Amino acid sequence: MLLLSNLKVQEKKKLCHIITKVYLLRWRIKEYFKFKKQQFELKDLRVMSLQSIRSLNFFATLVAGYISLISSSHRESIFLKN
């Protein structure tokens, strides 16, 4: 894997650690939105206003949060299998 950055190289190991953390955080966010789109089939919904889109996204976020709470309380995850 090659990660590029415009940060100055002072401590190479520390810089690599920071860049990797930021990349993994970004990847987590991307996977979260991918999960919402796929699980709730948001691409297939047709609405007439921006407010409707925001409302649908809000309810999908609530449901995704509820799913994560339920799976964490049962020490299981639908994202990772131990």
N, C-alpha and C. Protein backbone atom coordinates (compact mmCIF):
# COMPACT_ATOMS: atom_id res chain seq x y z
N MET A 1 0.85 -1.16 0.00
CA MET A 1 0.00 0.00 0.00
C MET A 1 0.90 1.23 0.00
N LEU A 2 0.52 2.20 -0.76
CA LEU A 2 1.26 3.45 -0.84
C LEU A 2 0.33 4.58 -0.45
N LEU A 3 0.67 5.26 0.65
CA LEU A 3 -0.10 6.40 1.12
C LEU A 3 0.74 7.66 0.93
N LEU A 4 0.19 8.65 0.26
CA LEU A 4 0.92 9.88 -0.01
C LEU A 4 0.45 10.99 0.93
N SER A 5 1.36 11.87 1.27
CA SER A 5 1.04 12.97 2.15
C SER A 5 1.91 14.18 1.81
N ASN A 6 1.42 15.36 2.17
CA ASN A 6 2.22 16.56 1.97
C ASN A 6 2.81 17.05 3.29
N LEU A 7 2.79 16.20 4.31
CA LEU A 7 3.36 16.55 5.61
C LEU A 7 4.88 16.44 5.55
N LYS A 8 5.55 17.27 6.34
CA LYS A 8 7.01 17.25 6.41
C LYS A 8 7.48 16.00 7.17
N VAL A 9 8.55 15.41 6.68
CA VAL A 9 9.09 14.21 7.30
C VAL A 9 10.08 14.62 8.38
N GLN A 10 9.64 14.51 9.63
CA GLN A 10 10.53 14.77 10.75
C GLN A 10 10.83 13.46 11.46
N GLU A 11 9.78 12.79 11.83
CA GLU A 11 9.91 11.45 12.40
C GLU A 11 9.12 10.51 11.51
N LYS A 12 9.82 9.73 10.75
CA LYS A 12 9.18 8.89 9.74
C LYS A 12 8.17 7.92 10.35
N LYS A 13 8.53 7.28 11.44
CA LYS A 13 7.65 6.29 12.05
C LYS A 13 6.36 6.95 12.57
N LYS A 14 6.50 8.11 13.23
CA LYS A 14 5.34 8.83 13.76
C LYS A 14 4.44 9.31 12.63
N LEU A 15 5.04 9.81 11.57
CA LEU A 15 4.29 10.28 10.41
C LEU A 15 3.51 9.14 9.78
N CYS A 16 4.13 7.99 9.62
CA CYS A 16 3.45 6.82 9.05
C CYS A 16 2.27 6.41 9.92
N HIS A 17 2.45 6.47 11.24
CA HIS A 17 1.39 6.11 12.17
C HIS A 17 0.19 7.06 12.03
N ILE A 18 0.45 8.35 11.95
CA ILE A 18 -0.61 9.35 11.82
C ILE A 18 -1.36 9.17 10.51
N ILE A 19 -0.64 9.02 9.42
CA ILE A 19 -1.26 8.87 8.10
C ILE A 19 -2.12 7.61 8.06
N THR A 20 -1.63 6.54 8.64
CA THR A 20 -2.38 5.29 8.65
C THR A 20 -3.66 5.43 9.47
N LYS A 21 -3.59 6.10 10.62
CA LYS A 21 -4.79 6.31 11.45
C LYS A 21 -5.84 7.12 10.70
N VAL A 22 -5.41 8.18 10.03
CA VAL A 22 -6.34 9.03 9.28
C VAL A 22 -6.97 8.23 8.14
N TYR A 23 -6.17 7.44 7.44
CA TYR A 23 -6.69 6.64 6.34
C TYR A 23 -7.72 5.63 6.83
N LEU A 24 -7.41 4.96 7.93
CA LEU A 24 -8.35 3.96 8.47
C LEU A 24 -9.64 4.60 8.96
N LEU A 25 -9.56 5.80 9.53
CA LEU A 25 -10.75 6.52 9.94
C LEU A 25 -11.61 6.85 8.73
N ARG A 26 -10.98 7.33 7.67
CA ARG A 26 -11.70 7.64 6.43
C ARG A 26 -12.35 6.39 5.86
N TRP A 27 -11.63 5.27 5.90
CA TRP A 27 -12.14 4.02 5.37
C TRP A 27 -13.36 3.57 6.16
N ARG A 28 -13.33 3.74 7.50
CA ARG A 28 -14.48 3.39 8.34
C ARG A 28 -15.72 4.19 7.98
N ILE A 29 -15.53 5.48 7.76
CA ILE A 29 -16.64 6.35 7.38
C ILE A 29 -17.22 5.92 6.04
N LYS A 30 -16.34 5.61 5.10
CA LYS A 30 -16.78 5.16 3.78
C LYS A 30 -17.58 3.87 3.89
N GLU A 31 -17.14 2.94 4.71
CA GLU A 31 -17.85 1.68 4.91
C GLU A 31 -19.20 1.90 5.57
N TYR A 32 -19.29 2.87 6.47
CA TYR A 32 -20.55 3.19 7.14
C TYR A 32 -21.59 3.65 6.11
N PHE A 33 -21.20 4.57 5.24
CA PHE A 33 -22.14 5.05 4.23
C PHE A 33 -22.49 3.95 3.22
N LYS A 34 -21.53 3.11 2.90
CA LYS A 34 -21.79 1.98 2.00
C LYS A 34 -22.81 1.04 2.64
N PHE A 35 -22.66 0.77 3.93
CA PHE A 35 -23.59 -0.08 4.66
C PHE A 35 -25.00 0.50 4.59
N LYS A 36 -25.13 1.80 4.88
CA LYS A 36 -26.46 2.43 4.85
C LYS A 36 -27.08 2.34 3.47
N LYS A 37 -26.32 2.63 2.44
CA LYS A 37 -26.86 2.59 1.07
C LYS A 37 -27.32 1.19 0.69
N GLN A 38 -26.51 0.18 1.03
CA GLN A 38 -26.84 -1.18 0.62
C GLN A 38 -27.96 -1.78 1.46
N GLN A 39 -27.89 -1.63 2.78
CA GLN A 39 -28.88 -2.25 3.64
C GLN A 39 -30.27 -1.65 3.47
N PHE A 40 -30.34 -0.36 3.26
CA PHE A 40 -31.64 0.30 3.19
C PHE A 40 -32.02 0.66 1.76
N GLU A 41 -31.21 0.23 0.81
CA GLU A 41 -31.46 0.45 -0.63
C GLU A 41 -31.82 1.91 -0.91
N LEU A 42 -31.00 2.82 -0.39
CA LEU A 42 -31.27 4.24 -0.54
C LEU A 42 -31.17 4.72 -1.99
N LYS A 43 -30.41 4.01 -2.81
CA LYS A 43 -30.30 4.39 -4.22
C LYS A 43 -31.62 4.23 -4.97
N ASP A 44 -32.44 3.29 -4.52
CA ASP A 44 -33.68 2.98 -5.22
C ASP A 44 -34.85 3.85 -4.79
N LEU A 45 -34.65 4.68 -3.79
CA LEU A 45 -35.74 5.54 -3.32
C LEU A 45 -35.82 6.80 -4.17
N ARG A 46 -37.02 7.19 -4.51
CA ARG A 46 -37.23 8.41 -5.31
C ARG A 46 -38.04 9.39 -4.48
N VAL A 47 -37.47 10.54 -4.26
CA VAL A 47 -38.15 11.58 -3.48
C VAL A 47 -38.13 12.88 -4.26
N MET A 48 -38.95 13.82 -3.83
CA MET A 48 -39.12 15.07 -4.58
C MET A 48 -38.38 16.26 -3.99
N SER A 49 -37.88 16.13 -2.77
CA SER A 49 -37.26 17.30 -2.16
C SER A 49 -36.01 16.92 -1.36
N LEU A 50 -35.18 17.92 -1.12
CA LEU A 50 -33.98 17.72 -0.32
C LEU A 50 -34.34 17.36 1.11
N GLN A 51 -35.41 17.94 1.61
CA GLN A 51 -35.85 17.63 2.98
C GLN A 51 -36.23 16.15 3.10
N SER A 52 -36.84 15.59 2.08
CA SER A 52 -37.18 14.15 2.10
C SER A 52 -35.93 13.29 2.14
N ILE A 53 -34.92 13.68 1.37
CA ILE A 53 -33.64 12.95 1.38
C ILE A 53 -33.02 13.01 2.77
N ARG A 54 -33.03 14.19 3.35
CA ARG A 54 -32.46 14.35 4.70
C ARG A 54 -33.22 13.51 5.73
N SER A 55 -34.52 13.47 5.62
CA SER A 55 -35.33 12.68 6.55
C SER A 55 -35.02 11.19 6.41
N LEU A 56 -34.96 10.71 5.17
CA LEU A 56 -34.63 9.30 4.95
C LEU A 56 -33.24 8.96 5.48
N ASN A 57 -32.28 9.84 5.24
CA ASN A 57 -30.93 9.62 5.74
C ASN A 57 -30.91 9.61 7.27
N PHE A 58 -31.67 10.50 7.89
CA PHE A 58 -31.75 10.56 9.34
C PHE A 58 -32.29 9.26 9.92
N PHE A 59 -33.38 8.75 9.35
CA PHE A 59 -33.96 7.50 9.86
C PHE A 59 -33.05 6.31 9.59
N ALA A 60 -32.35 6.30 8.46
CA ALA A 60 -31.39 5.23 8.18
C ALA A 60 -30.25 5.27 9.19
N THR A 61 -29.81 6.47 9.57
CA THR A 61 -28.76 6.62 10.57
C THR A 61 -29.23 6.11 11.92
N LEU A 62 -30.46 6.44 12.31
CA LEU A 62 -31.00 5.94 13.58
C LEU A 62 -31.05 4.42 13.60
N VAL A 63 -31.50 3.83 12.52
CA VAL A 63 -31.61 2.36 12.46
C VAL A 63 -30.23 1.72 12.48
N ALA A 64 -29.27 2.30 11.76
CA ALA A 64 -27.91 1.76 11.76
C ALA A 64 -27.31 1.85 13.17
N GLY A 65 -27.58 2.94 13.87
CA GLY A 65 -27.11 3.08 15.25
C GLY A 65 -27.76 2.06 16.16
N TYR A 66 -29.04 1.83 15.98
CA TYR A 66 -29.75 0.82 16.77
C TYR A 66 -29.19 -0.57 16.52
N ILE A 67 -28.91 -0.88 15.27
CA ILE A 67 -28.32 -2.18 14.92
C ILE A 67 -26.97 -2.34 15.62
N SER A 68 -26.16 -1.29 15.62
CA SER A 68 -24.83 -1.40 16.25
C SER A 68 -24.96 -1.56 17.77
N LEU A 69 -25.93 -0.88 18.38
CA LEU A 69 -26.13 -1.03 19.83
C LEU A 69 -26.57 -2.45 20.18
N ILE A 70 -27.48 -2.98 19.40
CA ILE A 70 -27.96 -4.35 19.65
C ILE A 70 -26.83 -5.36 19.46
N SER A 71 -26.06 -5.20 18.39
CA SER A 71 -24.99 -6.17 18.13
C SER A 71 -23.87 -6.04 19.16
N SER A 72 -23.60 -4.83 19.67
CA SER A 72 -22.55 -4.68 20.68
C SER A 72 -23.00 -5.20 22.03
N SER A 73 -24.28 -5.11 22.32
CA SER A 73 -24.76 -5.62 23.61
C SER A 73 -24.77 -7.14 23.64
N HIS A 74 -24.84 -7.77 22.48
CA HIS A 74 -24.80 -9.24 22.39
C HIS A 74 -23.39 -9.73 22.12
N ARG A 75 -22.44 -8.81 22.12
CA ARG A 75 -21.03 -9.11 21.85
C ARG A 75 -20.85 -9.79 20.50
N GLU A 76 -21.69 -9.46 19.59
CA GLU A 76 -21.58 -9.93 18.22
C GLU A 76 -21.56 -8.70 17.34
N SER A 77 -21.15 -8.87 16.13
CA SER A 77 -21.19 -7.77 15.18
C SER A 77 -21.58 -8.31 13.83
N ILE A 78 -22.43 -7.59 13.14
CA ILE A 78 -22.77 -8.02 11.79
C ILE A 78 -21.66 -7.64 10.82
N PHE A 79 -20.69 -6.82 11.31
CA PHE A 79 -19.59 -6.39 10.44
C PHE A 79 -18.39 -7.32 10.55
N LEU A 80 -18.15 -7.84 11.75
CA LEU A 80 -16.98 -8.69 11.98
C LEU A 80 -17.41 -9.98 12.68
N LYS A 81 -16.88 -11.06 12.25
CA LYS A 81 -17.14 -12.34 12.92
C LYS A 81 -15.85 -12.75 13.63
N ASN A 82 -15.96 -13.10 14.91
CA ASN A 82 -14.77 -13.51 15.68
C ASN A 82 -14.55 -14.99 15.54
